[in-house]
Structures are given as C-alpha cells and as structure tokens.
C-alpha cells in the first residue's frame, strides 16, 4: 500500500484506512508508539502497562519453578 502525507495545519498527517485500523485494533484513543531505524518509520500501539505486569508476573513464576534447572543448563 502506497500512501501520501496530507497537510494538517503546519504539519503533515498520515491517514490510515479503516481496514488497517480494524486489523490492528486501534482507534482515535489508542496511544501509538512511533520509532525509526533512520530509514523506516514504525507505528505501533503503545505498550500496555497491565500487559507488561502480567508478563513480569509470569516470568517470576517461571523463574521460581525452573530457575535452578535453567542455571544448571546454562552452566
């Protein structure tokens, strides 16, 4: 898909099609994280704090259960 930027005041805007928004499950209220590697622009939904907490909790449980075994395997 090739898109052109649209003038929006003194800025430029990238208009996303409804199909793309639906696919990514984002809307006008979704915070977006914008990053670049210098050549590519990456727009993604911002990380959810609740989801990160759940991930860290699962990691802690895994470390408690399998920590010693993983240390032996790594050594």
PDB file of N, CA and C in Angstrom:
ATOM      1  N   UNK A   1       0.847  -1.165   0.000  1.00  0.00           N
ATOM      2  CA  UNK A   1       0.000   0.000   0.000  1.00  0.00           C
ATOM      3  C   UNK A   1       0.896   1.233   0.000  1.00  0.00           C
ATOM      4  N   UNK A   2       0.665   2.118  -0.920  1.00  0.00           N
ATOM      5  CA  UNK A   2       1.411   3.372  -1.001  1.00  0.00           C
ATOM      6  C   UNK A   2       0.483   4.492  -0.552  1.00  0.00           C
ATOM      7  N   UNK A   3       0.949   5.321   0.364  1.00  0.00           N
ATOM      8  CA  UNK A   3       0.156   6.426   0.897  1.00  0.00           C
ATOM      9  C   UNK A   3       0.929   7.722   0.715  1.00  0.00           C
ATOM     10  N   UNK A   4       0.200   8.807   0.640  1.00  0.00           N
ATOM     11  CA  UNK A   4       0.793  10.143   0.586  1.00  0.00           C
ATOM     12  C   UNK A   4       0.435  10.867   1.881  1.00  0.00           C
ATOM     13  N   UNK A   5       1.315  11.737   2.338  1.00  0.00           N
ATOM     14  CA  UNK A   5       1.037  12.536   3.522  1.00  0.00           C
ATOM     15  C   UNK A   5       0.045  13.639   3.165  1.00  0.00           C
ATOM     16  N   UNK A   6      -0.763  14.035   4.139  1.00  0.00           N
ATOM     17  CA  UNK A   6      -1.770  15.074   3.960  1.00  0.00           C
ATOM     18  C   UNK A   6      -1.410  16.268   4.825  1.00  0.00           C
ATOM     19  N   UNK A   7      -1.514  17.471   4.281  1.00  0.00           N
ATOM     20  CA  UNK A   7      -1.216  18.664   5.063  1.00  0.00           C
ATOM     21  C   UNK A   7      -2.281  18.829   6.138  1.00  0.00           C
ATOM     22  N   UNK A   8      -1.806  19.093   7.369  1.00  0.00           N
ATOM     23  CA  UNK A   8      -2.686  19.293   8.524  1.00  0.00           C
ATOM     24  C   UNK A   8      -2.122  20.465   9.312  1.00  0.00           C
ATOM     25  N   UNK A   9      -2.597  21.679   9.017  1.00  0.00           N
ATOM     26  CA  UNK A   9      -2.013  22.877   9.624  1.00  0.00           C
ATOM     27  C   UNK A   9      -0.588  23.049   9.141  1.00  0.00           C
ATOM     28  N   UNK A  10       0.356  23.211  10.094  1.00  0.00           N
ATOM     29  CA  UNK A  10       1.776  23.322   9.747  1.00  0.00           C
ATOM     30  C   UNK A  10       2.468  21.969   9.724  1.00  0.00           C
ATOM     31  N   UNK A  11       1.705  20.896   9.872  1.00  0.00           N
ATOM     32  CA  UNK A  11       2.271  19.556   9.941  1.00  0.00           C
ATOM     33  C   UNK A  11       1.784  18.721   8.759  1.00  0.00           C
ATOM     34  N   UNK A  12       2.280  17.495   8.709  1.00  0.00           N
ATOM     35  CA  UNK A  12       1.813  16.515   7.735  1.00  0.00           C
ATOM     36  C   UNK A  12       1.227  15.336   8.493  1.00  0.00           C
ATOM     37  N   UNK A  13       0.167  14.745   7.959  1.00  0.00           N
ATOM     38  CA  UNK A  13      -0.504  13.629   8.621  1.00  0.00           C
ATOM     39  C   UNK A  13      -0.543  12.426   7.692  1.00  0.00           C
ATOM     40  N   UNK A  14      -0.506  11.261   8.278  1.00  0.00           N
ATOM     41  CA  UNK A  14      -0.653  10.012   7.538  1.00  0.00           C
ATOM     42  C   UNK A  14      -2.029   9.461   7.877  1.00  0.00           C
ATOM     43  N   UNK A  15      -2.895   9.346   6.890  1.00  0.00           N
ATOM     44  CA  UNK A  15      -4.251   8.866   7.101  1.00  0.00           C
ATOM     45  C   UNK A  15      -4.256   7.345   6.898  1.00  0.00           C
ATOM     46  N   UNK A  16      -4.748   6.627   7.917  1.00  0.00           N
ATOM     47  CA  UNK A  16      -4.799   5.166   7.868  1.00  0.00           C
ATOM     48  C   UNK A  16      -6.206   4.704   7.500  1.00  0.00           C
ATOM     49  N   UNK A  17      -6.295   3.758   6.613  1.00  0.00           N
ATOM     50  CA  UNK A  17      -7.584   3.221   6.179  1.00  0.00           C
ATOM     51  C   UNK A  17      -8.263   2.444   7.300  1.00  0.00           C
ATOM     52  N   UNK A  18      -9.575   2.407   7.285  1.00  0.00           N
ATOM     53  CA  UNK A  18     -10.366   1.713   8.300  1.00  0.00           C
ATOM     54  C   UNK A  18      -9.942   0.249   8.417  1.00  0.00           C
ATOM     55  N   UNK A  19      -9.647  -0.404   7.311  1.00  0.00           N
ATOM     56  CA  UNK A  19      -9.239  -1.810   7.348  1.00  0.00           C
ATOM     57  C   UNK A  19      -7.969  -2.029   8.154  1.00  0.00           C
ATOM     58  N   UNK A  20      -7.014  -1.137   8.011  1.00  0.00           N
ATOM     59  CA  UNK A  20      -5.760  -1.224   8.766  1.00  0.00           C
ATOM     60  C   UNK A  20      -6.036  -0.988  10.247  1.00  0.00           C
ATOM     61  N   UNK A  21      -6.859   0.022  10.551  1.00  0.00           N
ATOM     62  CA  UNK A  21      -7.195   0.314  11.945  1.00  0.00           C
ATOM     63  C   UNK A  21      -7.897  -0.881  12.602  1.00  0.00           C
ATOM     64  N   UNK A  22      -8.829  -1.484  11.874  1.00  0.00           N
ATOM     65  CA  UNK A  22      -9.547  -2.643  12.405  1.00  0.00           C
ATOM     66  C   UNK A  22      -8.603  -3.822  12.617  1.00  0.00           C
ATOM     67  N   UNK A  23      -7.714  -4.058  11.679  1.00  0.00           N
ATOM     68  CA  UNK A  23      -6.765  -5.164  11.779  1.00  0.00           C
ATOM     69  C   UNK A  23      -5.871  -5.017  13.000  1.00  0.00           C
ATOM     70  N   UNK A  24      -5.401  -3.795  13.278  1.00  0.00           N
ATOM     71  CA  UNK A  24      -4.513  -3.540  14.409  1.00  0.00           C
ATOM     72  C   UNK A  24      -5.262  -3.258  15.711  1.00  0.00           C
ATOM     73  N   UNK A  25      -6.594  -3.194  15.619  1.00  0.00           N
ATOM     74  CA  UNK A  25      -7.445  -2.926  16.784  1.00  0.00           C
ATOM     75  C   UNK A  25      -7.056  -1.608  17.457  1.00  0.00           C
ATOM     76  N   UNK A  26      -6.923  -0.565  16.634  1.00  0.00           N
ATOM     77  CA  UNK A  26      -6.625   0.762  17.171  1.00  0.00           C
ATOM     78  C   UNK A  26      -7.714   1.726  16.718  1.00  0.00           C
ATOM     79  N   UNK A  27      -7.915   2.771  17.514  1.00  0.00           N
ATOM     80  CA  UNK A  27      -8.859   3.824  17.161  1.00  0.00           C
ATOM     81  C   UNK A  27      -8.253   5.169  17.545  1.00  0.00           C
ATOM     82  N   UNK A  28      -9.052   6.219  17.515  1.00  0.00           N
ATOM     83  CA  UNK A  28      -8.543   7.568  17.777  1.00  0.00           C
ATOM     84  C   UNK A  28      -8.015   7.729  19.195  1.00  0.00           C
ATOM     85  N   UNK A  29      -8.421   6.859  20.122  1.00  0.00           N
ATOM     86  CA  UNK A  29      -7.990   6.967  21.519  1.00  0.00           C
ATOM     87  C   UNK A  29      -6.803   6.070  21.861  1.00  0.00           C
ATOM     88  N   UNK A  30      -6.353   5.255  20.918  1.00  0.00           N
ATOM     89  CA  UNK A  30      -5.244   4.336  21.168  1.00  0.00           C
ATOM     90  C   UNK A  30      -3.915   5.078  21.139  1.00  0.00           C
ATOM     91  N   UNK A  31      -3.137   5.022  22.233  1.00  0.00           N
ATOM     92  CA  UNK A  31      -1.809   5.650  22.188  1.00  0.00           C
ATOM     93  C   UNK A  31      -0.894   4.862  21.245  1.00  0.00           C
ATOM     94  N   UNK A  32      -0.163   5.579  20.421  1.00  0.00           N
ATOM     95  CA  UNK A  32       0.728   4.944  19.448  1.00  0.00           C
ATOM     96  C   UNK A  32       2.179   5.278  19.762  1.00  0.00           C
ATOM     97  N   UNK A  33       3.029   4.307  19.545  1.00  0.00           N
ATOM     98  CA  UNK A  33       4.474   4.484  19.707  1.00  0.00           C
ATOM     99  C   UNK A  33       5.080   4.587  18.316  1.00  0.00           C
ATOM    100  N   UNK A  34       5.838   5.642  18.081  1.00  0.00           N
ATOM    101  CA  UNK A  34       6.457   5.864  16.771  1.00  0.00           C
ATOM    102  C   UNK A  34       7.961   5.763  16.924  1.00  0.00           C
ATOM    103  N   UNK A  35       8.570   4.855  16.178  1.00  0.00           N
ATOM    104  CA  UNK A  35      10.017   4.665  16.219  1.00  0.00           C
ATOM    105  C   UNK A  35      10.560   4.632  14.788  1.00  0.00           C
ATOM    106  N   UNK A  36      11.864   4.725  14.670  1.00  0.00           N
ATOM    107  CA  UNK A  36      12.508   4.649  13.361  1.00  0.00           C
ATOM    108  C   UNK A  36      13.907   4.066  13.518  1.00  0.00           C
ATOM    109  N   UNK A  37      14.383   3.452  12.460  1.00  0.00           N
ATOM    110  CA  UNK A  37      15.767   2.996  12.437  1.00  0.00           C
ATOM    111  C   UNK A  37      16.603   3.920  11.562  1.00  0.00           C
ATOM    112  N   UNK A  38      16.037   5.058  11.177  1.00  0.00           N
ATOM    113  CA  UNK A  38      16.728   6.009  10.313  1.00  0.00           C
ATOM    114  C   UNK A  38      16.249   5.938   8.881  1.00  0.00           C
ATOM    115  N   UNK A  39      15.621   4.825   8.492  1.00  0.00           N
ATOM    116  CA  UNK A  39      15.110   4.678   7.138  1.00  0.00           C
ATOM    117  C   UNK A  39      13.650   4.236   7.116  1.00  0.00           C
ATOM    118  N   UNK A  40      13.216   3.568   8.167  1.00  0.00           N
ATOM    119  CA  UNK A  40      11.867   3.016   8.223  1.00  0.00           C
ATOM    120  C   UNK A  40      11.130   3.639   9.394  1.00  0.00           C
ATOM    121  N   UNK A  41       9.884   4.024   9.174  1.00  0.00           N
ATOM    122  CA  UNK A  41       9.028   4.553  10.223  1.00  0.00           C
ATOM    123  C   UNK A  41       8.130   3.423  10.721  1.00  0.00           C
ATOM    124  N   UNK A  42       8.113   3.202  12.036  1.00  0.00           N
ATOM    125  CA  UNK A  42       7.315   2.130  12.627  1.00  0.00           C
ATOM    126  C   UNK A  42       6.285   2.751  13.551  1.00  0.00           C
ATOM    127  N   UNK A  43       5.021   2.489  13.278  1.00  0.00           N
ATOM    128  CA  UNK A  43       3.922   2.985  14.099  1.00  0.00           C
ATOM    129  C   UNK A  43       3.222   1.767  14.674  1.00  0.00           C
ATOM    130  N   UNK A  44       3.175   1.685  16.008  1.00  0.00           N
ATOM    131  CA  UNK A  44       2.574   0.526  16.671  1.00  0.00           C
ATOM    132  C   UNK A  44       1.812   0.985  17.903  1.00  0.00           C
ATOM    133  N   UNK A  45       0.800   0.209  18.310  1.00  0.00           N
ATOM    134  CA  UNK A  45       0.122   0.543  19.562  1.00  0.00           C
ATOM    135  C   UNK A  45       1.146   0.580  20.697  1.00  0.00           C
ATOM    136  N   UNK A  46       1.030   1.574  21.586  1.00  0.00           N
ATOM    137  CA  UNK A  46       1.964   1.703  22.705  1.00  0.00           C
ATOM    138  C   UNK A  46       1.806   0.506  23.632  1.00  0.00           C
ATOM    139  N   UNK A  47       2.884   0.166  24.314  1.00  0.00           N
ATOM    140  CA  UNK A  47       2.860  -0.965  25.229  1.00  0.00           C
ATOM    141  C   UNK A  47       1.886  -0.702  26.361  1.00  0.00           C
ATOM    142  N   UNK A  48       1.154  -1.732  26.698  1.00  0.00           N
ATOM    143  CA  UNK A  48       0.158  -1.651  27.758  1.00  0.00           C
ATOM    144  C   UNK A  48       0.817  -2.009  29.081  1.00  0.00           C
ATOM    145  N   UNK A  49       0.725  -1.137  30.085  1.00  0.00           N
ATOM    146  CA  UNK A  49       1.341  -1.379  31.383  1.00  0.00           C
ATOM    147  C   UNK A  49       0.808  -2.626  32.061  1.00  0.00           C
ATOM    148  N   UNK A  50      -0.499  -2.880  31.949  1.00  0.00           N
ATOM    149  CA  UNK A  50      -1.105  -4.077  32.561  1.00  0.00           C
ATOM    150  C   UNK A  50      -0.530  -5.345  31.934  1.00  0.00           C
ATOM    151  N   UNK A  51      -0.391  -5.328  30.621  1.00  0.00           N
ATOM    152  CA  UNK A  51       0.140  -6.497  29.927  1.00  0.00           C
ATOM    153  C   UNK A  51       1.581  -6.773  30.357  1.00  0.00           C
ATOM    154  N   UNK A  52       2.372  -5.713  30.531  1.00  0.00           N
ATOM    155  CA  UNK A  52       3.763  -5.875  30.973  1.00  0.00           C
ATOM    156  C   UNK A  52       3.822  -6.462  32.375  1.00  0.00           C
ATOM    157  N   UNK A  53       2.946  -6.002  33.277  1.00  0.00           N
ATOM    158  CA  UNK A  53       2.903  -6.534  34.634  1.00  0.00           C
ATOM    159  C   UNK A  53       2.570  -8.015  34.620  1.00  0.00           C
ATOM    160  N   UNK A  54       1.609  -8.415  33.770  1.00  0.00           N
ATOM    161  CA  UNK A  54       1.246  -9.827  33.663  1.00  0.00           C
ATOM    162  C   UNK A  54       2.426 -10.649  33.158  1.00  0.00           C
ATOM    163  N   UNK A  55       3.153 -10.113  32.182  1.00  0.00           N
ATOM    164  CA  UNK A  55       4.322 -10.809  31.645  1.00  0.00           C
ATOM    165  C   UNK A  55       5.387 -10.991  32.724  1.00  0.00           C
ATOM    166  N   UNK A  56       5.677  -9.923  33.477  1.00  0.00           N
ATOM    167  CA  UNK A  56       6.690 -10.000  34.527  1.00  0.00           C
ATOM    168  C   UNK A  56       6.277 -10.988  35.621  1.00  0.00           C
ATOM    169  N   UNK A  57       4.999 -11.026  35.953  1.00  0.00           N
ATOM    170  CA  UNK A  57       4.495 -11.973  36.941  1.00  0.00           C
ATOM    171  C   UNK A  57       4.696 -13.410  36.457  1.00  0.00           C
ATOM    172  N   UNK A  58       4.422 -13.656  35.182  1.00  0.00           N
ATOM    173  CA  UNK A  58       4.622 -14.990  34.613  1.00  0.00           C
ATOM    174  C   UNK A  58       6.107 -15.357  34.595  1.00  0.00           C
ATOM    175  N   UNK A  59       6.969 -14.388  34.311  1.00  0.00           N
ATOM    176  CA  UNK A  59       8.419 -14.653  34.318  1.00  0.00           C
ATOM    177  C   UNK A  59       8.892 -15.011  35.723  1.00  0.00           C
ATOM    178  N   UNK A  60       8.405 -14.299  36.721  1.00  0.00           N
ATOM    179  CA  UNK A  60       8.782 -14.593  38.098  1.00  0.00           C
ATOM    180  C   UNK A  60       8.345 -16.004  38.492  1.00  0.00           C
ATOM    181  N   UNK A  61       7.128 -16.375  38.114  1.00  0.00           N
ATOM    182  CA  UNK A  61       6.628 -17.719  38.427  1.00  0.00           C
ATOM    183  C   UNK A  61       7.491 -18.777  37.742  1.00  0.00           C
ATOM    184  N   UNK A  62       7.859 -18.538  36.486  1.00  0.00           N
ATOM    185  CA  UNK A  62       8.716 -19.477  35.765  1.00  0.00           C
ATOM    186  C   UNK A  62      10.095 -19.579  36.386  1.00  0.00           C
ATOM    187  N   UNK A  63      10.635 -18.447  36.826  1.00  0.00           N
ATOM    188  CA  UNK A  63      11.952 -18.455  37.465  1.00  0.00           C
ATOM    189  C   UNK A  63      11.912 -19.193  38.802  1.00  0.00           C
ATOM    190  N   UNK A  64      10.822 -19.005  39.558  1.00  0.00           N
ATOM    191  CA  UNK A  64      10.701 -19.732  40.828  1.00  0.00           C
ATOM    192  C   UNK A  64      10.635 -21.235  40.581  1.00  0.00           C
ATOM    193  N   UNK A  65       9.877 -21.611  39.556  1.00  0.00           N
ATOM    194  CA  UNK A  65       9.666 -23.043  39.304  1.00  0.00           C
ATOM    195  C   UNK A  65      10.868 -23.704  38.622  1.00  0.00           C
ATOM    196  N   UNK A  66      11.482 -23.011  37.662  1.00  0.00           N
ATOM    197  CA  UNK A  66      12.518 -23.639  36.842  1.00  0.00           C
ATOM    198  C   UNK A  66      13.885 -22.972  36.954  1.00  0.00           C
ATOM    199  N   UNK A  67      14.040 -21.993  37.849  1.00  0.00           N
ATOM    200  CA  UNK A  67      15.275 -21.214  37.930  1.00  0.00           C
ATOM    201  C   UNK A  67      16.532 -22.041  38.117  1.00  0.00           C
ATOM    202  N   UNK A  68      16.509 -22.959  39.104  1.00  0.00           N
ATOM    203  CA  UNK A  68      17.714 -23.767  39.346  1.00  0.00           C
ATOM    204  C   UNK A  68      18.072 -24.637  38.148  1.00  0.00           C
ATOM    205  N   UNK A  69      17.038 -25.239  37.532  1.00  0.00           N
ATOM    206  CA  UNK A  69      17.287 -26.075  36.373  1.00  0.00           C
ATOM    207  C   UNK A  69      17.889 -25.257  35.232  1.00  0.00           C
ATOM    208  N   UNK A  70      17.352 -24.062  35.000  1.00  0.00           N
ATOM    209  CA  UNK A  70      17.873 -23.216  33.914  1.00  0.00           C
ATOM    210  C   UNK A  70      19.312 -22.793  34.178  1.00  0.00           C
ATOM    211  N   UNK A  71      19.655 -22.516  35.424  1.00  0.00           N
ATOM    212  CA  UNK A  71      21.042 -22.158  35.770  1.00  0.00           C
ATOM    213  C   UNK A  71      21.974 -23.334  35.493  1.00  0.00           C
ATOM    214  N   UNK A  72      21.529 -24.551  35.841  1.00  0.00           N
ATOM    215  CA  UNK A  72      22.371 -25.712  35.567  1.00  0.00           C
ATOM    216  C   UNK A  72      22.556 -25.933  34.073  1.00  0.00           C
ATOM    217  N   UNK A  73      21.496 -25.732  33.312  1.00  0.00           N
ATOM    218  CA  UNK A  73      21.592 -25.899  31.864  1.00  0.00           C
ATOM    219  C   UNK A  73      22.508 -24.848  31.240  1.00  0.00           C
ATOM    220  N   UNK A  74      22.483 -23.629  31.788  1.00  0.00           N
ATOM    221  CA  UNK A  74      23.307 -22.550  31.236  1.00  0.00           C
ATOM    222  C   UNK A  74      24.783 -22.733  31.589  1.00  0.00           C
ATOM    223  N   UNK A  75      25.048 -23.395  32.702  1.00  0.00           N
ATOM    224  CA  UNK A  75      26.428 -23.514  33.180  1.00  0.00           C
ATOM    225  C   UNK A  75      27.150 -24.588  32.569  1.00  0.00           C
TER     226      UNK A  75
END
